[in-house]
């Protein structure tokens, strides 16, 4: 059997080829170090917590209003049937 080791093509300069063969596009280190410009600073915890508490309080208030409306509507309907 005549098997050749990888990267034995005489056309390829072995001194410029990485030891594990050429890398696919995007596999190397970035041209400019650091995060991309589209990445923003992280959001503070207090902002997330404040938003969550506000939504929770708003949801509870909305639920109370809906229950009160249902009680009033049922009271009016039930009260008008007893006359």
N, C-alpha and C. Protein backbone atom coordinates (compact mmCIF):
# COMPACT_ATOMS: atom_id res chain seq x y z
N UNK A 1 0.83 -1.17 0.00
CA UNK A 1 0.00 0.00 0.00
C UNK A 1 0.88 1.24 0.00
N UNK A 2 0.47 2.18 -0.81
CA UNK A 2 1.25 3.41 -0.93
C UNK A 2 0.45 4.56 -0.33
N UNK A 3 0.57 4.74 0.98
CA UNK A 3 -0.14 5.83 1.65
C UNK A 3 0.83 6.97 1.92
N UNK A 4 0.35 8.19 1.63
CA UNK A 4 1.18 9.34 1.88
C UNK A 4 0.68 10.07 3.12
N UNK A 5 1.57 10.61 3.93
CA UNK A 5 1.12 11.39 5.08
C UNK A 5 0.44 12.68 4.58
N UNK A 6 -0.43 13.27 5.42
CA UNK A 6 -1.11 14.49 4.99
C UNK A 6 -0.13 15.63 4.71
N UNK A 7 -0.54 16.53 3.83
CA UNK A 7 0.23 17.72 3.47
C UNK A 7 1.58 17.38 2.85
N UNK A 8 1.61 16.37 2.00
CA UNK A 8 2.86 16.06 1.32
C UNK A 8 2.85 16.54 -0.13
N UNK A 9 1.90 17.38 -0.47
CA UNK A 9 1.82 17.93 -1.80
C UNK A 9 3.03 18.85 -2.00
N UNK A 10 3.79 18.66 -3.06
CA UNK A 10 4.97 19.50 -3.26
C UNK A 10 4.62 20.95 -3.55
N UNK A 11 3.38 21.24 -3.95
CA UNK A 11 2.96 22.60 -4.24
C UNK A 11 2.80 23.43 -2.95
N UNK A 12 2.54 22.77 -1.79
CA UNK A 12 2.29 23.46 -0.53
C UNK A 12 3.60 23.66 0.20
N UNK A 13 3.86 24.89 0.60
CA UNK A 13 5.05 25.20 1.39
C UNK A 13 4.77 24.74 2.83
N UNK A 14 5.45 23.71 3.28
CA UNK A 14 5.20 23.12 4.59
C UNK A 14 5.53 24.08 5.73
N UNK A 15 6.39 25.06 5.52
CA UNK A 15 6.75 25.97 6.60
C UNK A 15 5.63 26.96 6.90
N UNK A 16 4.70 27.19 5.93
CA UNK A 16 3.62 28.15 6.13
C UNK A 16 2.30 27.49 6.51
N UNK A 17 2.23 26.17 6.48
CA UNK A 17 1.01 25.45 6.79
C UNK A 17 0.95 25.17 8.29
N UNK A 18 -0.18 25.46 8.95
CA UNK A 18 -0.30 25.12 10.38
C UNK A 18 -0.11 23.63 10.59
N UNK A 19 0.30 23.21 11.78
CA UNK A 19 0.60 21.80 12.02
C UNK A 19 -0.59 20.87 11.81
N UNK A 20 -1.83 21.35 11.97
CA UNK A 20 -2.99 20.49 11.82
C UNK A 20 -3.73 20.77 10.53
N UNK A 21 -3.07 21.32 9.55
CA UNK A 21 -3.69 21.62 8.28
C UNK A 21 -4.27 23.02 8.26
N UNK A 22 -4.73 23.46 7.11
CA UNK A 22 -5.29 24.81 7.03
C UNK A 22 -6.59 24.92 7.82
N UNK A 23 -6.81 26.07 8.41
CA UNK A 23 -8.02 26.29 9.20
C UNK A 23 -9.16 26.73 8.30
N UNK A 24 -10.37 26.33 8.66
CA UNK A 24 -11.52 26.81 7.89
C UNK A 24 -11.76 28.29 8.17
N UNK A 25 -12.48 28.98 7.31
CA UNK A 25 -12.73 30.41 7.53
C UNK A 25 -13.42 30.65 8.88
N UNK A 26 -12.95 31.66 9.60
CA UNK A 26 -13.54 32.01 10.89
C UNK A 26 -12.96 31.26 12.07
N UNK A 27 -12.04 30.34 11.84
CA UNK A 27 -11.50 29.53 12.94
C UNK A 27 -10.27 30.16 13.58
N UNK A 28 -9.70 31.17 12.97
CA UNK A 28 -8.50 31.78 13.52
C UNK A 28 -8.84 32.87 14.52
N UNK A 29 -7.81 33.52 15.03
CA UNK A 29 -8.03 34.60 15.97
C UNK A 29 -8.57 35.82 15.22
N UNK A 30 -9.32 36.69 15.91
CA UNK A 30 -9.89 37.85 15.23
C UNK A 30 -8.81 38.84 14.79
N UNK A 31 -9.11 39.61 13.78
CA UNK A 31 -8.15 40.60 13.28
C UNK A 31 -7.95 41.68 14.33
N UNK A 32 -9.04 42.14 14.93
CA UNK A 32 -8.96 43.16 15.98
C UNK A 32 -9.32 42.49 17.30
N UNK A 33 -8.43 42.55 18.30
CA UNK A 33 -8.74 41.88 19.57
C UNK A 33 -9.88 42.57 20.31
N UNK A 34 -10.51 41.81 21.18
CA UNK A 34 -11.62 42.34 21.98
C UNK A 34 -12.96 42.00 21.36
N UNK A 35 -14.02 42.37 22.06
CA UNK A 35 -15.36 42.05 21.56
C UNK A 35 -15.71 42.92 20.35
N UNK A 36 -16.63 42.47 19.51
CA UNK A 36 -17.04 43.28 18.37
C UNK A 36 -17.73 44.56 18.84
N UNK A 37 -17.79 45.54 17.99
CA UNK A 37 -18.38 46.83 18.35
C UNK A 37 -19.87 46.72 18.63
N UNK A 38 -20.52 45.68 18.13
CA UNK A 38 -21.95 45.52 18.36
C UNK A 38 -22.26 45.05 19.78
N UNK A 39 -21.25 44.58 20.50
CA UNK A 39 -21.45 44.12 21.87
C UNK A 39 -21.41 45.32 22.81
N UNK A 40 -22.44 45.46 23.62
CA UNK A 40 -22.51 46.58 24.55
C UNK A 40 -22.13 46.12 25.95
N UNK A 41 -21.99 47.07 26.83
CA UNK A 41 -21.67 46.75 28.22
C UNK A 41 -22.82 45.96 28.84
N UNK A 42 -22.54 45.07 29.77
CA UNK A 42 -23.62 44.29 30.38
C UNK A 42 -24.60 45.17 31.17
N UNK A 43 -25.84 44.71 31.23
CA UNK A 43 -26.88 45.43 31.97
C UNK A 43 -26.68 45.15 33.45
N UNK A 44 -26.84 46.18 34.27
CA UNK A 44 -26.67 46.02 35.71
C UNK A 44 -27.79 45.17 36.29
N UNK A 45 -27.48 44.45 37.36
CA UNK A 45 -28.47 43.58 38.01
C UNK A 45 -29.66 44.36 38.54
N UNK A 46 -29.42 45.54 39.07
CA UNK A 46 -30.50 46.32 39.67
C UNK A 46 -31.54 46.68 38.62
N UNK A 47 -31.11 46.92 37.39
CA UNK A 47 -32.05 47.25 36.32
C UNK A 47 -32.96 46.07 36.02
N UNK A 48 -32.38 44.88 35.94
CA UNK A 48 -33.17 43.68 35.66
C UNK A 48 -34.12 43.39 36.82
N UNK A 49 -33.62 43.50 38.05
CA UNK A 49 -34.46 43.23 39.22
C UNK A 49 -35.61 44.23 39.33
N UNK A 50 -35.31 45.50 39.09
CA UNK A 50 -36.34 46.54 39.18
C UNK A 50 -37.42 46.31 38.12
N UNK A 51 -37.02 45.92 36.92
CA UNK A 51 -37.98 45.64 35.86
C UNK A 51 -38.85 44.44 36.21
N UNK A 52 -38.24 43.40 36.76
CA UNK A 52 -39.01 42.20 37.13
C UNK A 52 -40.02 42.52 38.23
N UNK A 53 -39.61 43.28 39.23
CA UNK A 53 -40.53 43.64 40.32
C UNK A 53 -41.66 44.52 39.79
N UNK A 54 -41.34 45.47 38.91
CA UNK A 54 -42.37 46.33 38.34
C UNK A 54 -43.40 45.53 37.56
N UNK A 55 -42.93 44.58 36.76
CA UNK A 55 -43.85 43.74 36.00
C UNK A 55 -44.71 42.87 36.93
N UNK A 56 -44.11 42.36 37.97
CA UNK A 56 -44.85 41.53 38.92
C UNK A 56 -45.92 42.35 39.64
N UNK A 57 -45.56 43.52 40.12
CA UNK A 57 -46.53 44.38 40.80
C UNK A 57 -47.64 44.79 39.83
N UNK A 58 -47.28 45.15 38.61
CA UNK A 58 -48.27 45.50 37.60
C UNK A 58 -49.22 44.35 37.30
N UNK A 59 -48.68 43.14 37.24
CA UNK A 59 -49.51 41.96 36.99
C UNK A 59 -50.48 41.69 38.13
N UNK A 60 -50.01 41.85 39.37
CA UNK A 60 -50.89 41.65 40.53
C UNK A 60 -52.00 42.69 40.55
N UNK A 61 -51.67 43.95 40.28
CA UNK A 61 -52.69 45.01 40.24
C UNK A 61 -53.70 44.73 39.14
N UNK A 62 -53.22 44.31 37.97
CA UNK A 62 -54.13 43.99 36.87
C UNK A 62 -55.05 42.81 37.24
N UNK A 63 -54.52 41.81 37.91
CA UNK A 63 -55.31 40.67 38.33
C UNK A 63 -56.39 41.09 39.33
N UNK A 64 -56.04 41.96 40.27
CA UNK A 64 -57.02 42.45 41.24
C UNK A 64 -58.14 43.21 40.54
N UNK A 65 -57.78 44.06 39.57
CA UNK A 65 -58.78 44.82 38.83
C UNK A 65 -59.72 43.89 38.07
N UNK A 66 -59.17 42.87 37.43
CA UNK A 66 -60.00 41.92 36.67
C UNK A 66 -60.94 41.18 37.61
N UNK A 67 -60.46 40.75 38.76
CA UNK A 67 -61.31 40.03 39.71
C UNK A 67 -62.42 40.96 40.21
N UNK A 68 -62.10 42.22 40.51
CA UNK A 68 -63.13 43.16 40.95
C UNK A 68 -64.18 43.40 39.87
N UNK A 69 -63.76 43.52 38.63
CA UNK A 69 -64.72 43.70 37.53
C UNK A 69 -65.63 42.48 37.42
N UNK A 70 -65.07 41.29 37.54
CA UNK A 70 -65.89 40.07 37.46
C UNK A 70 -66.89 40.03 38.61
N UNK A 71 -66.44 40.38 39.82
CA UNK A 71 -67.34 40.38 40.98
C UNK A 71 -68.47 41.38 40.77
N UNK A 72 -68.16 42.56 40.28
CA UNK A 72 -69.19 43.59 40.05
C UNK A 72 -70.17 43.12 38.98
N UNK A 73 -69.66 42.57 37.87
CA UNK A 73 -70.54 42.11 36.80
C UNK A 73 -71.44 40.98 37.30
N UNK A 74 -70.87 40.03 38.03
CA UNK A 74 -71.69 38.93 38.55
C UNK A 74 -72.71 39.45 39.57
N UNK A 75 -72.34 40.45 40.37
CA UNK A 75 -73.27 41.02 41.34
C UNK A 75 -74.42 41.73 40.64
N UNK A 76 -74.13 42.45 39.57
CA UNK A 76 -75.19 43.14 38.83
C UNK A 76 -76.10 42.15 38.16
N UNK A 77 -75.53 41.12 37.52
CA UNK A 77 -76.33 40.11 36.83
C UNK A 77 -77.16 39.33 37.84
N UNK A 78 -76.55 38.91 38.93
CA UNK A 78 -77.26 38.14 39.94
C UNK A 78 -78.32 39.01 40.63
N UNK A 79 -78.00 40.27 40.89
CA UNK A 79 -78.94 41.17 41.54
C UNK A 79 -80.15 41.48 40.68
N UNK A 80 -79.97 41.56 39.36
CA UNK A 80 -81.09 41.88 38.47
C UNK A 80 -82.01 40.66 38.28
N UNK A 81 -81.51 39.46 38.55
CA UNK A 81 -82.33 38.25 38.41
C UNK A 81 -83.23 38.03 39.63
N UNK A 82 -82.89 38.62 40.76
CA UNK A 82 -83.65 38.42 41.98
C UNK A 82 -84.86 39.36 42.09
N UNK A 83 -85.03 40.32 41.24
CA UNK A 83 -86.13 41.29 41.34
C UNK A 83 -87.41 40.73 40.84
